[in-house]
PDB file of N, CA and C in Angstrom:
ATOM      1  N   MET A   1     100.757  29.440 -24.682  1.00  0.00           N
ATOM      2  CA  MET A   1     100.095  30.480 -23.908  1.00  0.00           C
ATOM      3  C   MET A   1      99.814  29.939 -22.507  1.00  0.00           C
ATOM      4  N   ILE A   2     100.080  30.749 -21.529  1.00  0.00           N
ATOM      5  CA  ILE A   2      99.823  30.368 -20.140  1.00  0.00           C
ATOM      6  C   ILE A   2      98.418  30.817 -19.765  1.00  0.00           C
ATOM      7  N   ARG A   3      97.650  29.903 -19.247  1.00  0.00           N
ATOM      8  CA  ARG A   3      96.302  30.234 -18.785  1.00  0.00           C
ATOM      9  C   ARG A   3      96.282  30.154 -17.272  1.00  0.00           C
ATOM     10  N   PRO A   4      96.170  31.295 -16.606  1.00  0.00           N
ATOM     11  CA  PRO A   4      96.150  31.261 -15.147  1.00  0.00           C
ATOM     12  C   PRO A   4      94.863  30.638 -14.613  1.00  0.00           C
ATOM     13  N   ASP A   5      94.985  29.997 -13.501  1.00  0.00           N
ATOM     14  CA  ASP A   5      93.846  29.420 -12.812  1.00  0.00           C
ATOM     15  C   ASP A   5      92.956  30.550 -12.289  1.00  0.00           C
ATOM     16  N   ALA A   6      91.695  30.304 -12.141  1.00  0.00           N
ATOM     17  CA  ALA A   6      90.753  31.328 -11.671  1.00  0.00           C
ATOM     18  C   ALA A   6      91.076  31.779 -10.253  1.00  0.00           C
ATOM     19  N   LYS A   7      91.702  30.924  -9.458  1.00  0.00           N
ATOM     20  CA  LYS A   7      92.021  31.296  -8.075  1.00  0.00           C
ATOM     21  C   LYS A   7      93.379  31.979  -7.934  1.00  0.00           C
ATOM     22  N   LEU A   8      94.115  32.125  -9.034  1.00  0.00           N
ATOM     23  CA  LEU A   8      95.420  32.768  -9.000  1.00  0.00           C
ATOM     24  C   LEU A   8      95.260  34.254  -8.690  1.00  0.00           C
ATOM     25  N   GLN A   9      96.037  34.744  -7.734  1.00  0.00           N
ATOM     26  CA  GLN A   9      95.986  36.158  -7.372  1.00  0.00           C
ATOM     27  C   GLN A   9      97.191  36.877  -7.962  1.00  0.00           C
ATOM     28  N   VAL A  10      96.999  38.149  -8.328  1.00  0.00           N
ATOM     29  CA  VAL A  10      98.067  38.981  -8.861  1.00  0.00           C
ATOM     30  C   VAL A  10      98.225  40.176  -7.944  1.00  0.00           C
ATOM     31  N   PHE A  11      99.463  40.415  -7.471  1.00  0.00           N
ATOM     32  CA  PHE A  11      99.746  41.527  -6.579  1.00  0.00           C
ATOM     33  C   PHE A  11     100.713  42.475  -7.274  1.00  0.00           C
ATOM     34  N   LEU A  12     100.376  43.755  -7.265  1.00  0.00           N
ATOM     35  CA  LEU A  12     101.202  44.781  -7.887  1.00  0.00           C
ATOM     36  C   LEU A  12     101.862  45.617  -6.804  1.00  0.00           C
ATOM     37  N   CYS A  13     103.177  45.686  -6.847  1.00  0.00           N
ATOM     38  CA  CYS A  13     103.919  46.562  -5.934  1.00  0.00           C
ATOM     39  C   CYS A  13     103.932  47.946  -6.566  1.00  0.00           C
ATOM     40  N   ARG A  14     103.277  48.900  -5.926  1.00  0.00           N
ATOM     41  CA  ARG A  14     103.104  50.228  -6.515  1.00  0.00           C
ATOM     42  C   ARG A  14     104.333  51.108  -6.365  1.00  0.00           C
ATOM     43  N   GLU A  15     105.204  50.788  -5.425  1.00  0.00           N
ATOM     44  CA  GLU A  15     106.431  51.562  -5.228  1.00  0.00           C
ATOM     45  C   GLU A  15     107.484  51.115  -6.243  1.00  0.00           C
ATOM     46  N   PRO A  16     108.300  52.049  -6.737  1.00  0.00           N
ATOM     47  CA  PRO A  16     109.363  51.658  -7.671  1.00  0.00           C
ATOM     48  C   PRO A  16     110.363  50.717  -6.994  1.00  0.00           C
ATOM     49  N   VAL A  17     110.860  49.758  -7.757  1.00  0.00           N
ATOM     50  CA  VAL A  17     111.787  48.751  -7.240  1.00  0.00           C
ATOM     51  C   VAL A  17     113.072  48.794  -8.050  1.00  0.00           C
ATOM     52  N   ASP A  18     114.202  48.652  -7.374  1.00  0.00           N
ATOM     53  CA  ASP A  18     115.482  48.540  -8.056  1.00  0.00           C
ATOM     54  C   ASP A  18     115.489  47.198  -8.783  1.00  0.00           C
ATOM     55  N   MET A  19     115.453  47.232 -10.099  1.00  0.00           N
ATOM     56  CA  MET A  19     115.323  46.010 -10.882  1.00  0.00           C
ATOM     57  C   MET A  19     116.593  45.157 -10.870  1.00  0.00           C
ATOM     58  N   ARG A  20     117.647  45.629 -10.207  1.00  0.00           N
ATOM     59  CA  ARG A  20     118.868  44.836 -10.091  1.00  0.00           C
ATOM     60  C   ARG A  20     118.806  43.861  -8.921  1.00  0.00           C
ATOM     61  N   LYS A  21     117.725  43.917  -8.148  1.00  0.00           N
ATOM     62  CA  LYS A  21     117.576  42.985  -7.025  1.00  0.00           C
ATOM     63  C   LYS A  21     117.471  41.559  -7.551  1.00  0.00           C
ATOM     64  N   SER A  22     118.051  40.655  -6.809  1.00  0.00           N
ATOM     65  CA  SER A  22     117.934  39.249  -7.201  1.00  0.00           C
ATOM     66  C   SER A  22     116.593  38.708  -6.711  1.00  0.00           C
ATOM     67  N   ILE A  23     116.338  37.461  -6.980  1.00  0.00           N
ATOM     68  CA  ILE A  23     115.095  36.830  -6.531  1.00  0.00           C
ATOM     69  C   ILE A  23     114.999  36.873  -5.007  1.00  0.00           C
ATOM     70  N   ASP A  24     116.146  36.802  -4.341  1.00  0.00           N
ATOM     71  CA  ASP A  24     116.144  36.868  -2.876  1.00  0.00           C
ATOM     72  C   ASP A  24     115.694  38.243  -2.389  1.00  0.00           C
ATOM     73  N   GLY A  25     116.154  39.304  -3.048  1.00  0.00           N
ATOM     74  CA  GLY A  25     115.766  40.655  -2.669  1.00  0.00           C
ATOM     75  C   GLY A  25     114.293  40.924  -2.914  1.00  0.00           C
ATOM     76  N   LEU A  26     113.784  40.408  -4.027  1.00  0.00           N
ATOM     77  CA  LEU A  26     112.369  40.607  -4.335  1.00  0.00           C
ATOM     78  C   LEU A  26     111.477  39.796  -3.399  1.00  0.00           C
ATOM     79  N   SER A  27     111.895  38.584  -3.053  1.00  0.00           N
ATOM     80  CA  SER A  27     111.086  37.784  -2.121  1.00  0.00           C
ATOM     81  C   SER A  27     111.092  38.407  -0.734  1.00  0.00           C
ATOM     82  N   LEU A  28     112.206  39.029  -0.347  1.00  0.00           N
ATOM     83  CA  LEU A  28     112.253  39.743   0.930  1.00  0.00           C
ATOM     84  C   LEU A  28     111.307  40.942   0.910  1.00  0.00           C
ATOM     85  N   LEU A  29     111.229  41.619  -0.215  1.00  0.00           N
ATOM     86  CA  LEU A  29     110.295  42.737  -0.373  1.00  0.00           C
ATOM     87  C   LEU A  29     108.851  42.262  -0.250  1.00  0.00           C
ATOM     88  N   VAL A  30     108.549  41.113  -0.833  1.00  0.00           N
ATOM     89  CA  VAL A  30     107.198  40.542  -0.733  1.00  0.00           C
ATOM     90  C   VAL A  30     106.877  40.238   0.728  1.00  0.00           C
ATOM     91  N   GLN A  31     107.828  39.658   1.450  1.00  0.00           N
ATOM     92  CA  GLN A  31     107.597  39.286   2.842  1.00  0.00           C
ATOM     93  C   GLN A  31     107.456  40.487   3.755  1.00  0.00           C
ATOM     94  N   GLU A  32     108.389  41.440   3.654  1.00  0.00           N
ATOM     95  CA  GLU A  32     108.431  42.540   4.620  1.00  0.00           C
ATOM     96  C   GLU A  32     107.537  43.716   4.238  1.00  0.00           C
ATOM     97  N   ALA A  33     107.636  44.202   3.032  1.00  0.00           N
ATOM     98  CA  ALA A  33     106.886  45.401   2.648  1.00  0.00           C
ATOM     99  C   ALA A  33     105.430  45.092   2.308  1.00  0.00           C
ATOM    100  N   MET A  34     105.225  43.982   1.592  1.00  0.00           N
ATOM    101  CA  MET A  34     103.869  43.643   1.171  1.00  0.00           C
ATOM    102  C   MET A  34     103.171  42.733   2.175  1.00  0.00           C
ATOM    103  N   GLU A  35     103.942  42.203   3.127  1.00  0.00           N
ATOM    104  CA  GLU A  35     103.425  41.306   4.171  1.00  0.00           C
ATOM    105  C   GLU A  35     102.646  40.134   3.576  1.00  0.00           C
ATOM    106  N   LEU A  36     103.257  39.504   2.554  1.00  0.00           N
ATOM    107  CA  LEU A  36     102.668  38.340   1.894  1.00  0.00           C
ATOM    108  C   LEU A  36     103.687  37.210   1.873  1.00  0.00           C
ATOM    109  N   ASN A  37     103.208  36.019   1.615  1.00  0.00           N
ATOM    110  CA  ASN A  37     104.079  34.858   1.530  1.00  0.00           C
ATOM    111  C   ASN A  37     104.517  34.677   0.073  1.00  0.00           C
ATOM    112  N   PRO A  38     105.823  34.744  -0.213  1.00  0.00           N
ATOM    113  CA  PRO A  38     106.268  34.603  -1.601  1.00  0.00           C
ATOM    114  C   PRO A  38     106.039  33.206  -2.176  1.00  0.00           C
ATOM    115  N   PHE A  39     105.704  32.232  -1.322  1.00  0.00           N
ATOM    116  CA  PHE A  39     105.467  30.871  -1.785  1.00  0.00           C
ATOM    117  C   PHE A  39     103.988  30.582  -2.039  1.00  0.00           C
ATOM    118  N   ASP A  40     103.130  31.586  -1.837  1.00  0.00           N
ATOM    119  CA  ASP A  40     101.713  31.417  -2.147  1.00  0.00           C
ATOM    120  C   ASP A  40     101.524  31.263  -3.650  1.00  0.00           C
ATOM    121  N   GLU A  41     100.394  30.709  -4.031  1.00  0.00           N
ATOM    122  CA  GLU A  41     100.071  30.568  -5.450  1.00  0.00           C
ATOM    123  C   GLU A  41      99.596  31.929  -5.955  1.00  0.00           C
ATOM    124  N   ALA A  42     100.562  32.767  -6.334  1.00  0.00           N
ATOM    125  CA  ALA A  42     100.256  34.139  -6.737  1.00  0.00           C
ATOM    126  C   ALA A  42     101.348  34.641  -7.675  1.00  0.00           C
ATOM    127  N   VAL A  43     101.045  35.745  -8.350  1.00  0.00           N
ATOM    128  CA  VAL A  43     102.014  36.424  -9.202  1.00  0.00           C
ATOM    129  C   VAL A  43     102.277  37.783  -8.577  1.00  0.00           C
ATOM    130  N   PHE A  44     103.561  38.136  -8.439  1.00  0.00           N
ATOM    131  CA  PHE A  44     103.946  39.423  -7.872  1.00  0.00           C
ATOM    132  C   PHE A  44     104.572  40.246  -8.989  1.00  0.00           C
ATOM    133  N   VAL A  45     104.073  41.468  -9.183  1.00  0.00           N
ATOM    134  CA  VAL A  45     104.508  42.325 -10.284  1.00  0.00           C
ATOM    135  C   VAL A  45     105.227  43.536  -9.707  1.00  0.00           C
ATOM    136  N   PHE A  46     106.415  43.822 -10.259  1.00  0.00           N
ATOM    137  CA  PHE A  46     107.227  44.956  -9.825  1.00  0.00           C
ATOM    138  C   PHE A  46     107.545  45.811 -11.039  1.00  0.00           C
ATOM    139  N   CYS A  47     107.766  47.111 -10.821  1.00  0.00           N
ATOM    140  CA  CYS A  47     108.167  47.993 -11.910  1.00  0.00           C
ATOM    141  C   CYS A  47     109.275  48.919 -11.424  1.00  0.00           C
ATOM    142  N   ASN A  48     110.006  49.500 -12.379  1.00  0.00           N
ATOM    143  CA  ASN A  48     111.097  50.399 -12.029  1.00  0.00           C
ATOM    144  C   ASN A  48     110.590  51.835 -11.866  1.00  0.00           C
ATOM    145  N   ARG A  49     111.496  52.731 -11.547  1.00  0.00           N
ATOM    146  CA  ARG A  49     111.127  54.124 -11.272  1.00  0.00           C
ATOM    147  C   ARG A  49     110.500  54.819 -12.484  1.00  0.00           C
ATOM    148  N   GLN A  50     111.010  54.535 -13.682  1.00  0.00           N
ATOM    149  CA  GLN A  50     110.468  55.169 -14.890  1.00  0.00           C
ATOM    150  C   GLN A  50     109.183  54.485 -15.365  1.00  0.00           C
ATOM    151  N   ARG A  51     108.842  53.361 -14.757  1.00  0.00           N
ATOM    152  CA  ARG A  51     107.653  52.587 -15.099  1.00  0.00           C
ATOM    153  C   ARG A  51     107.666  52.104 -16.544  1.00  0.00           C
ATOM    154  N   ASP A  52     108.872  51.800 -17.051  1.00  0.00           N
ATOM    155  CA  ASP A  52     108.960  51.238 -18.401  1.00  0.00           C
ATOM    156  C   ASP A  52     109.464  49.794 -18.399  1.00  0.00           C
ATOM    157  N   LYS A  53     109.688  49.232 -17.210  1.00  0.00           N
ATOM    158  CA  LYS A  53     110.079  47.824 -17.083  1.00  0.00           C
ATOM    159  C   LYS A  53     109.198  47.163 -16.031  1.00  0.00           C
ATOM    160  N   VAL A  54     108.784  45.942 -16.306  1.00  0.00           N
ATOM    161  CA  VAL A  54     107.934  45.191 -15.374  1.00  0.00           C
ATOM    162  C   VAL A  54     108.634  43.888 -15.047  1.00  0.00           C
TER     163      VAL A  54
END
């Protein structure tokens, strides 16, 4: 079981994302759309249009 640190932040992207994007596409989304650093100590959560995949 993974126990996150108390200082770990979780960011949810509320817009639907094409789940076929590679890690490069998702990190670009974090940088440009969410205006965050993908290398920060954080978890970024994405979902598809039907909201049945995370």
